[in-house]
Amino acid sequence: MSNDFSEKIELSGFKDVDEAAMSYLKRIAASYVKRFNEICEEFEKLTIRMKKVHAQVRSEKYEIHVSVLDKGKLFTSAVTDKNLLGAADAALTKVEHEIGEK
């Protein structure tokens, strides 16, 4: 089995995010995908969607929606925060806990 899970990650809404933040976001997503592959019955896909909720300079808020597809079952979470990467990590953590409780 390959350790490259990039084909199982879908990111959308991040076109305005700088390259450094995107690189870090992809690393966060990849580490969670490894974890989901361990705890899911049959991990299929991770989707992370972002939309800016409040787009004023220096006070942006990001709404992050995460969904994980595991053997046809969808696990979802959403977090809104001023810190894009913190919101993504928090949303991924919520989904991880939800999967762990199934």
C-alpha atoms as a PDB file:
ATOM      1  CA  MET A   1       0.000   0.000   0.000  1.00  0.00           C
ATOM      2  CA  SER A   2       1.283   3.464  -0.908  1.00  0.00           C
ATOM      3  CA  ASN A   3       1.890   6.078   1.772  1.00  0.00           C
ATOM      4  CA  ASP A   4       0.936   8.881  -0.642  1.00  0.00           C
ATOM      5  CA  PHE A   5      -2.633   9.723   0.255  1.00  0.00           C
ATOM      6  CA  SER A   6      -2.792  12.968  -1.782  1.00  0.00           C
ATOM      7  CA  GLU A   7      -5.349  11.464  -4.159  1.00  0.00           C
ATOM      8  CA  LYS A   8      -7.686  11.062  -1.171  1.00  0.00           C
ATOM      9  CA  ILE A   9      -7.517  14.760  -0.183  1.00  0.00           C
ATOM     10  CA  GLU A  10      -9.739  17.419  -1.746  1.00  0.00           C
ATOM     11  CA  LEU A  11      -9.193  21.090  -0.900  1.00  0.00           C
ATOM     12  CA  SER A  12     -11.528  23.816  -2.131  1.00  0.00           C
ATOM     13  CA  GLY A  13     -11.978  27.525  -1.550  1.00  0.00           C
ATOM     14  CA  PHE A  14      -8.289  28.165  -0.895  1.00  0.00           C
ATOM     15  CA  LYS A  15      -7.398  30.094  -4.075  1.00  0.00           C
ATOM     16  CA  ASP A  16      -6.530  33.296  -2.160  1.00  0.00           C
ATOM     17  CA  VAL A  17      -4.373  31.548   0.462  1.00  0.00           C
ATOM     18  CA  ASP A  18      -0.630  32.152   0.207  1.00  0.00           C
ATOM     19  CA  GLU A  19       1.767  29.392  -0.774  1.00  0.00           C
ATOM     20  CA  ALA A  20       3.347  28.967   2.679  1.00  0.00           C
ATOM     21  CA  ALA A  21      -0.029  28.535   4.400  1.00  0.00           C
ATOM     22  CA  MET A  22      -1.168  26.098   1.684  1.00  0.00           C
ATOM     23  CA  SER A  23       1.983  24.030   2.131  1.00  0.00           C
ATOM     24  CA  TYR A  24       1.385  23.823   5.869  1.00  0.00           C
ATOM     25  CA  LEU A  25      -2.317  23.050   5.355  1.00  0.00           C
ATOM     26  CA  LYS A  26      -1.421  20.185   3.012  1.00  0.00           C
ATOM     27  CA  ARG A  27       0.971  18.762   5.613  1.00  0.00           C
ATOM     28  CA  ILE A  28      -1.728  18.971   8.295  1.00  0.00           C
ATOM     29  CA  ALA A  29      -4.216  17.252   5.969  1.00  0.00           C
ATOM     30  CA  ALA A  30      -1.717  14.511   5.074  1.00  0.00           C
ATOM     31  CA  SER A  31      -1.022  13.713   8.725  1.00  0.00           C
ATOM     32  CA  TYR A  32      -4.748  13.446   9.469  1.00  0.00           C
ATOM     33  CA  VAL A  33      -5.279  11.261   6.396  1.00  0.00           C
ATOM     34  CA  LYS A  34      -2.694   8.831   7.762  1.00  0.00           C
ATOM     35  CA  ARG A  35      -4.599   8.795  11.058  1.00  0.00           C
ATOM     36  CA  PHE A  36      -7.990   8.380   9.343  1.00  0.00           C
ATOM     37  CA  ASN A  37      -6.567   5.492   7.338  1.00  0.00           C
ATOM     38  CA  GLU A  38      -5.724   3.802  10.662  1.00  0.00           C
ATOM     39  CA  ILE A  39      -9.006   4.445  12.527  1.00  0.00           C
ATOM     40  CA  CYS A  40     -11.554   4.182   9.706  1.00  0.00           C
ATOM     41  CA  GLU A  41     -13.013   0.894   8.552  1.00  0.00           C
ATOM     42  CA  GLU A  42     -12.431   1.843   4.930  1.00  0.00           C
ATOM     43  CA  PHE A  43     -11.170   5.434   4.541  1.00  0.00           C
ATOM     44  CA  GLU A  44     -12.213   6.865   1.185  1.00  0.00           C
ATOM     45  CA  LYS A  45     -11.753  10.638   1.130  1.00  0.00           C
ATOM     46  CA  LEU A  46     -11.005  13.802   3.126  1.00  0.00           C
ATOM     47  CA  THR A  47     -12.548  17.064   1.930  1.00  0.00           C
ATOM     48  CA  ILE A  48     -11.624  20.450   3.389  1.00  0.00           C
ATOM     49  CA  ARG A  49     -13.582  23.501   2.235  1.00  0.00           C
ATOM     50  CA  MET A  50     -12.922  27.075   3.258  1.00  0.00           C
ATOM     51  CA  LYS A  51     -14.873  30.258   2.923  1.00  0.00           C
ATOM     52  CA  LYS A  52     -14.126  33.682   4.285  1.00  0.00           C
ATOM     53  CA  VAL A  53     -16.920  34.801   6.570  1.00  0.00           C
ATOM     54  CA  HIS A  54     -15.697  38.256   7.482  1.00  0.00           C
ATOM     55  CA  ALA A  55     -13.209  39.579   4.948  1.00  0.00           C
ATOM     56  CA  GLN A  56     -11.983  42.856   6.433  1.00  0.00           C
ATOM     57  CA  VAL A  57      -8.235  43.405   6.475  1.00  0.00           C
ATOM     58  CA  ARG A  58      -6.645  42.026   9.668  1.00  0.00           C
ATOM     59  CA  SER A  59      -9.957  40.715  10.973  1.00  0.00           C
ATOM     60  CA  GLU A  60     -10.724  37.936   8.507  1.00  0.00           C
ATOM     61  CA  LYS A  61     -12.624  34.956   9.785  1.00  0.00           C
ATOM     62  CA  TYR A  62     -12.438  31.602   8.064  1.00  0.00           C
ATOM     63  CA  GLU A  63     -15.139  28.981   8.054  1.00  0.00           C
ATOM     64  CA  ILE A  64     -13.672  25.513   7.584  1.00  0.00           C
ATOM     65  CA  HIS A  65     -15.844  22.518   6.697  1.00  0.00           C
ATOM     66  CA  VAL A  66     -14.297  19.074   6.918  1.00  0.00           C
ATOM     67  CA  SER A  67     -15.818  15.815   5.784  1.00  0.00           C
ATOM     68  CA  VAL A  68     -14.419  12.307   5.871  1.00  0.00           C
ATOM     69  CA  LEU A  69     -15.968   9.485   3.901  1.00  0.00           C
ATOM     70  CA  ASP A  70     -15.519   6.102   5.583  1.00  0.00           C
ATOM     71  CA  LYS A  71     -17.073   3.077   3.926  1.00  0.00           C
ATOM     72  CA  GLY A  72     -19.926   5.206   2.580  1.00  0.00           C
ATOM     73  CA  LYS A  73     -20.551   6.995   5.889  1.00  0.00           C
ATOM     74  CA  LEU A  74     -19.903  10.735   6.088  1.00  0.00           C
ATOM     75  CA  PHE A  75     -18.376  12.383   9.171  1.00  0.00           C
ATOM     76  CA  THR A  76     -18.440  16.193   9.181  1.00  0.00           C
ATOM     77  CA  SER A  77     -17.457  19.208  11.241  1.00  0.00           C
ATOM     78  CA  ALA A  78     -17.219  22.975  10.846  1.00  0.00           C
ATOM     79  CA  VAL A  79     -15.142  25.558  12.690  1.00  0.00           C
ATOM     80  CA  THR A  80     -14.985  29.333  12.295  1.00  0.00           C
ATOM     81  CA  ASP A  81     -11.880  31.161  13.494  1.00  0.00           C
ATOM     82  CA  LYS A  82      -9.577  34.078  12.693  1.00  0.00           C
ATOM     83  CA  ASN A  83      -6.682  31.635  12.341  1.00  0.00           C
ATOM     84  CA  LEU A  84      -7.055  29.614   9.143  1.00  0.00           C
ATOM     85  CA  LEU A  85      -4.684  26.804  10.124  1.00  0.00           C
ATOM     86  CA  GLY A  86      -6.032  26.649  13.670  1.00  0.00           C
ATOM     87  CA  ALA A  87      -9.578  26.356  12.322  1.00  0.00           C
ATOM     88  CA  ALA A  88      -8.547  23.572   9.937  1.00  0.00           C
ATOM     89  CA  ASP A  89      -6.772  21.659  12.707  1.00  0.00           C
ATOM     90  CA  ALA A  90      -9.739  22.063  15.083  1.00  0.00           C
ATOM     91  CA  ALA A  91     -12.221  20.865  12.439  1.00  0.00           C
ATOM     92  CA  LEU A  92     -10.039  17.853  11.614  1.00  0.00           C
ATOM     93  CA  THR A  93      -9.702  17.025  15.309  1.00  0.00           C
ATOM     94  CA  LYS A  94     -13.497  17.121  15.723  1.00  0.00           C
ATOM     95  CA  VAL A  95     -13.955  14.659  12.868  1.00  0.00           C
ATOM     96  CA  GLU A  96     -11.225  12.420  14.272  1.00  0.00           C
ATOM     97  CA  HIS A  97     -13.037  12.264  17.629  1.00  0.00           C
ATOM     98  CA  GLU A  98     -16.361  11.582  15.928  1.00  0.00           C
ATOM     99  CA  ILE A  99     -14.856   8.682  13.976  1.00  0.00           C
ATOM    100  CA  GLY A 100     -13.182   7.338  17.117  1.00  0.00           C
ATOM    101  CA  GLU A 101     -16.548   7.260  18.916  1.00  0.00           C
ATOM    102  CA  LYS A 102     -18.411   5.294  16.250  1.00  0.00           C
END
